C-alpha cells in the first residue's frame, strides 16, 4: 500500500511539473504576442497620424490599449506549486515511473 502511495505521489509531482512548464511557455508566448500587438498598434497610429491615429479614424472615445503582462505572476505561481524548487525535473529516485 505504501509503495502505491509513493508511486502516486511521484506521478502527481511529475504532472504538476509539466503543467508548470506549460504555463511558463504560454506566459512567454503571451508576452511575445503582447509585444507584437503593441508594435502593430504603433505602426497603425503612425500611418493614421493625420486622422488622429486609430482612435481618431474610428471616432473612439476610450481607446487606450493596455494589456497586462502576467508572465512573472504565472512563473511565481508555478514555482509555488513546485514547492519553490524552481526546476521541472522529476526526482532522480523516482525515474522508474517514466
N, C-alpha and C. Protein backbone atom coordinates (compact mmCIF):
# COMPACT_ATOMS: atom_id res chain seq x y z
N UNK A 1 0.82 -1.20 0.00
CA UNK A 1 0.00 0.00 0.00
C UNK A 1 0.86 1.26 0.00
N UNK A 2 1.89 1.27 0.84
CA UNK A 2 2.79 2.43 0.93
C UNK A 2 3.51 2.65 -0.39
N UNK A 3 3.88 1.56 -1.05
CA UNK A 3 4.55 1.65 -2.33
C UNK A 3 3.65 2.33 -3.37
N UNK A 4 2.37 2.01 -3.37
CA UNK A 4 1.42 2.63 -4.30
C UNK A 4 1.26 4.12 -4.03
N UNK A 5 1.25 4.48 -2.76
CA UNK A 5 1.14 5.90 -2.39
C UNK A 5 2.36 6.67 -2.87
N UNK A 6 3.53 6.07 -2.72
CA UNK A 6 4.76 6.71 -3.18
C UNK A 6 4.74 6.88 -4.69
N UNK A 7 4.29 5.85 -5.41
CA UNK A 7 4.19 5.94 -6.87
C UNK A 7 3.20 7.02 -7.27
N UNK A 8 2.06 7.07 -6.60
CA UNK A 8 1.05 8.09 -6.90
C UNK A 8 1.59 9.49 -6.64
N UNK A 9 2.32 9.65 -5.55
CA UNK A 9 2.91 10.94 -5.23
C UNK A 9 3.88 11.37 -6.33
N UNK A 10 4.68 10.44 -6.80
CA UNK A 10 5.64 10.75 -7.85
C UNK A 10 4.94 11.14 -9.14
N UNK A 11 3.87 10.43 -9.48
CA UNK A 11 3.11 10.74 -10.70
C UNK A 11 2.49 12.13 -10.59
N UNK A 12 1.90 12.43 -9.45
CA UNK A 12 1.29 13.76 -9.24
C UNK A 12 2.35 14.84 -9.36
N UNK A 13 3.51 14.60 -8.81
CA UNK A 13 4.60 15.58 -8.88
C UNK A 13 5.04 15.81 -10.32
N UNK A 14 5.14 14.75 -11.08
CA UNK A 14 5.51 14.87 -12.49
C UNK A 14 4.46 15.68 -13.25
N UNK A 15 3.19 15.40 -13.01
CA UNK A 15 2.11 16.13 -13.67
C UNK A 15 2.16 17.61 -13.31
N UNK A 16 2.36 17.91 -12.04
CA UNK A 16 2.44 19.31 -11.60
C UNK A 16 3.62 20.00 -12.27
N UNK A 17 4.75 19.32 -12.36
CA UNK A 17 5.92 19.90 -13.02
C UNK A 17 5.63 20.22 -14.48
N UNK A 18 4.99 19.31 -15.16
CA UNK A 18 4.71 19.52 -16.59
C UNK A 18 3.68 20.62 -16.80
N UNK A 19 2.71 20.70 -15.92
CA UNK A 19 1.74 21.79 -16.01
C UNK A 19 2.44 23.13 -15.78
N UNK A 20 3.35 23.17 -14.83
CA UNK A 20 4.14 24.39 -14.59
C UNK A 20 4.94 24.78 -15.81
N UNK A 21 5.57 23.79 -16.47
CA UNK A 21 6.31 24.07 -17.70
C UNK A 21 5.39 24.64 -18.77
N UNK A 22 4.22 24.04 -18.92
CA UNK A 22 3.27 24.50 -19.93
C UNK A 22 2.81 25.93 -19.64
N UNK A 23 2.54 26.22 -18.39
CA UNK A 23 2.12 27.58 -18.03
C UNK A 23 3.21 28.60 -18.32
N UNK A 24 4.46 28.24 -18.04
CA UNK A 24 5.56 29.17 -18.33
C UNK A 24 5.70 29.39 -19.82
N UNK A 25 5.55 28.35 -20.63
CA UNK A 25 5.63 28.52 -22.08
C UNK A 25 4.50 29.39 -22.61
N UNK A 26 3.30 29.19 -22.09
CA UNK A 26 2.16 30.01 -22.51
C UNK A 26 2.40 31.46 -22.11
N UNK A 27 2.94 31.70 -20.93
CA UNK A 27 3.21 33.06 -20.48
C UNK A 27 4.24 33.74 -21.38
N UNK A 28 5.29 33.01 -21.77
CA UNK A 28 6.30 33.58 -22.67
C UNK A 28 5.70 33.90 -24.03
N UNK A 29 4.86 33.00 -24.54
CA UNK A 29 4.21 33.24 -25.82
C UNK A 29 3.29 34.46 -25.72
N UNK A 30 2.58 34.58 -24.62
CA UNK A 30 1.69 35.71 -24.42
C UNK A 30 2.46 37.02 -24.40
N UNK A 31 3.63 37.03 -23.77
CA UNK A 31 4.46 38.23 -23.73
C UNK A 31 4.91 38.62 -25.14
N UNK A 32 5.30 37.64 -25.93
CA UNK A 32 5.72 37.93 -27.31
C UNK A 32 4.56 38.46 -28.14
N UNK A 33 3.38 37.88 -27.96
CA UNK A 33 2.20 38.35 -28.70
C UNK A 33 1.84 39.77 -28.28
N UNK A 34 1.95 40.04 -26.99
CA UNK A 34 1.66 41.37 -26.46
C UNK A 34 2.59 42.40 -27.09
N UNK A 35 3.88 42.08 -27.18
CA UNK A 35 4.85 42.98 -27.79
C UNK A 35 4.52 43.23 -29.26
N UNK A 36 4.19 42.17 -29.99
CA UNK A 36 3.84 42.31 -31.40
C UNK A 36 2.58 43.16 -31.57
N UNK A 37 1.62 42.99 -30.69
CA UNK A 37 0.39 43.77 -30.75
C UNK A 37 0.67 45.24 -30.55
N UNK A 38 1.51 45.57 -29.58
CA UNK A 38 1.88 46.97 -29.36
C UNK A 38 2.62 47.55 -30.57
N UNK A 39 3.50 46.76 -31.17
CA UNK A 39 4.23 47.23 -32.35
C UNK A 39 3.28 47.49 -33.51
N UNK A 40 2.31 46.59 -33.70
CA UNK A 40 1.33 46.79 -34.77
C UNK A 40 0.48 48.03 -34.51
N UNK A 41 0.08 48.24 -33.27
CA UNK A 41 -0.72 49.41 -32.92
C UNK A 41 0.08 50.69 -33.16
N UNK A 42 1.36 50.67 -32.80
CA UNK A 42 2.22 51.82 -33.02
C UNK A 42 2.32 52.13 -34.52
N UNK A 43 2.48 51.09 -35.33
CA UNK A 43 2.56 51.28 -36.78
C UNK A 43 1.25 51.83 -37.34
N UNK A 44 0.12 51.31 -36.86
CA UNK A 44 -1.18 51.83 -37.32
C UNK A 44 -1.37 53.29 -36.91
N UNK A 45 -1.01 53.62 -35.69
CA UNK A 45 -1.12 55.01 -35.25
C UNK A 45 -0.24 55.92 -36.09
N UNK A 46 0.95 55.45 -36.44
CA UNK A 46 1.86 56.24 -37.28
C UNK A 46 1.26 56.45 -38.67
N UNK A 47 0.72 55.39 -39.25
CA UNK A 47 0.14 55.50 -40.59
C UNK A 47 -1.11 56.37 -40.62
N UNK A 48 -1.84 56.40 -39.53
CA UNK A 48 -3.08 57.17 -39.46
C UNK A 48 -2.93 58.46 -38.66
N UNK A 49 -1.70 58.97 -38.55
CA UNK A 49 -1.45 60.13 -37.70
C UNK A 49 -2.23 61.37 -38.15
N UNK A 50 -2.42 61.53 -39.45
CA UNK A 50 -3.16 62.70 -39.95
C UNK A 50 -4.63 62.64 -39.57
N UNK A 51 -5.14 61.48 -39.27
CA UNK A 51 -6.55 61.33 -38.89
C UNK A 51 -6.71 61.11 -37.39
N UNK A 52 -5.66 61.37 -36.63
CA UNK A 52 -5.74 61.22 -35.18
C UNK A 52 -5.42 59.82 -34.70
N UNK A 53 -4.72 59.05 -35.48
CA UNK A 53 -4.38 57.67 -35.11
C UNK A 53 -5.59 56.76 -35.23
N UNK A 54 -5.49 55.59 -34.67
CA UNK A 54 -6.58 54.61 -34.74
C UNK A 54 -7.83 55.16 -34.07
N UNK A 55 -7.65 55.82 -32.92
CA UNK A 55 -8.81 56.33 -32.17
C UNK A 55 -9.53 57.42 -32.96
N UNK A 56 -8.77 58.32 -33.57
CA UNK A 56 -9.39 59.40 -34.35
C UNK A 56 -10.06 58.89 -35.61
N UNK A 57 -9.46 57.95 -36.26
CA UNK A 57 -10.01 57.39 -37.50
C UNK A 57 -11.37 56.75 -37.27
N UNK A 58 -11.53 56.06 -36.16
CA UNK A 58 -12.77 55.35 -35.89
C UNK A 58 -13.64 56.02 -34.83
N UNK A 59 -13.30 57.28 -34.48
CA UNK A 59 -14.08 58.06 -33.51
C UNK A 59 -14.32 57.29 -32.21
N UNK A 60 -13.27 56.76 -31.65
CA UNK A 60 -13.38 56.01 -30.40
C UNK A 60 -13.03 56.91 -29.23
N UNK A 61 -13.88 56.91 -28.20
CA UNK A 61 -13.63 57.73 -27.02
C UNK A 61 -12.62 57.08 -26.08
N UNK A 62 -12.86 55.84 -25.73
CA UNK A 62 -11.98 55.12 -24.81
C UNK A 62 -11.11 54.17 -25.63
N UNK A 63 -9.96 54.66 -26.03
CA UNK A 63 -9.14 53.92 -27.00
C UNK A 63 -7.77 53.54 -26.44
N UNK A 64 -7.67 53.45 -25.15
CA UNK A 64 -6.39 53.12 -24.52
C UNK A 64 -6.12 51.62 -24.69
N UNK A 65 -4.95 51.31 -25.19
CA UNK A 65 -4.56 49.91 -25.36
C UNK A 65 -3.66 49.51 -24.20
N UNK A 66 -4.18 48.70 -23.31
CA UNK A 66 -3.40 48.26 -22.16
C UNK A 66 -3.61 46.76 -21.96
N UNK A 67 -2.53 46.02 -22.11
CA UNK A 67 -2.57 44.57 -21.93
C UNK A 67 -1.55 44.23 -20.86
N UNK A 68 -2.00 43.75 -19.74
CA UNK A 68 -1.10 43.42 -18.64
C UNK A 68 -0.25 42.21 -18.99
N UNK A 69 1.01 42.27 -18.60
CA UNK A 69 1.93 41.15 -18.80
C UNK A 69 1.96 40.33 -17.52
N UNK A 70 1.41 39.14 -17.57
CA UNK A 70 1.28 38.29 -16.38
C UNK A 70 2.33 37.19 -16.32
N UNK A 71 3.40 37.31 -17.13
CA UNK A 71 4.41 36.25 -17.16
C UNK A 71 5.04 36.03 -15.78
N UNK A 72 5.39 37.10 -15.09
CA UNK A 72 6.01 36.95 -13.77
C UNK A 72 5.04 36.31 -12.78
N UNK A 73 3.78 36.70 -12.82
CA UNK A 73 2.79 36.13 -11.91
C UNK A 73 2.64 34.63 -12.15
N UNK A 74 2.55 34.23 -13.42
CA UNK A 74 2.42 32.81 -13.75
C UNK A 74 3.67 32.05 -13.32
N UNK A 75 4.84 32.64 -13.55
CA UNK A 75 6.08 31.99 -13.15
C UNK A 75 6.14 31.81 -11.64
N UNK A 76 5.75 32.84 -10.90
CA UNK A 76 5.73 32.74 -9.43
C UNK A 76 4.76 31.66 -8.95
N UNK A 77 3.59 31.61 -9.56
CA UNK A 77 2.60 30.60 -9.17
C UNK A 77 3.09 29.19 -9.45
N UNK A 78 3.72 29.00 -10.61
CA UNK A 78 4.20 27.66 -10.94
C UNK A 78 5.35 27.26 -10.02
N UNK A 79 6.20 28.22 -9.62
CA UNK A 79 7.27 27.89 -8.68
C UNK A 79 6.70 27.53 -7.32
N UNK A 80 5.64 28.22 -6.92
CA UNK A 80 4.98 27.90 -5.66
C UNK A 80 4.40 26.49 -5.71
N UNK A 81 3.80 26.14 -6.84
CA UNK A 81 3.23 24.80 -6.99
C UNK A 81 4.31 23.73 -6.94
N UNK A 82 5.51 24.09 -7.37
CA UNK A 82 6.62 23.14 -7.34
C UNK A 82 7.31 23.12 -5.98
N UNK A 83 6.79 23.84 -5.03
CA UNK A 83 7.39 23.86 -3.70
C UNK A 83 8.68 24.66 -3.67
N UNK A 84 8.74 25.72 -4.49
CA UNK A 84 9.90 26.62 -4.57
C UNK A 84 11.16 25.91 -5.03
N UNK A 85 11.02 24.74 -5.64
CA UNK A 85 12.19 24.07 -6.18
C UNK A 85 12.68 24.79 -7.42
N UNK A 86 11.71 25.27 -8.24
CA UNK A 86 12.07 26.02 -9.42
C UNK A 86 12.47 25.16 -10.61
N UNK A 87 12.75 23.90 -10.41
CA UNK A 87 13.09 23.04 -11.54
C UNK A 87 11.90 22.18 -11.89
N UNK A 88 11.97 21.63 -13.09
CA UNK A 88 10.83 20.81 -13.52
C UNK A 88 11.22 19.34 -13.67
N UNK A 89 12.42 19.01 -13.25
CA UNK A 89 12.86 17.62 -13.38
C UNK A 89 12.27 16.78 -12.26
N UNK A 90 11.77 15.61 -12.59
CA UNK A 90 11.27 14.73 -11.54
C UNK A 90 12.42 14.26 -10.66
N UNK A 91 12.14 13.90 -9.44
CA UNK A 91 13.20 13.43 -8.56
C UNK A 91 13.92 12.23 -9.16
N UNK A 92 15.23 12.18 -9.03
CA UNK A 92 16.01 11.12 -9.65
C UNK A 92 15.66 9.74 -9.09
N UNK A 93 15.28 9.66 -7.86
CA UNK A 93 14.97 8.37 -7.25
C UNK A 93 13.66 7.80 -7.78
N UNK A 94 12.89 8.61 -8.49
CA UNK A 94 11.57 8.15 -8.94
C UNK A 94 11.46 8.06 -10.46
N UNK A 95 12.57 8.06 -11.17
CA UNK A 95 12.54 7.99 -12.62
C UNK A 95 12.00 6.67 -13.15
N UNK A 96 11.83 5.69 -12.31
CA UNK A 96 11.33 4.39 -12.75
C UNK A 96 9.90 4.48 -13.27
N UNK A 97 9.20 5.57 -12.99
CA UNK A 97 7.81 5.69 -13.42
C UNK A 97 7.69 6.16 -14.86
N UNK A 98 8.74 6.70 -15.42
CA UNK A 98 8.65 7.28 -16.76
C UNK A 98 8.67 6.26 -17.84
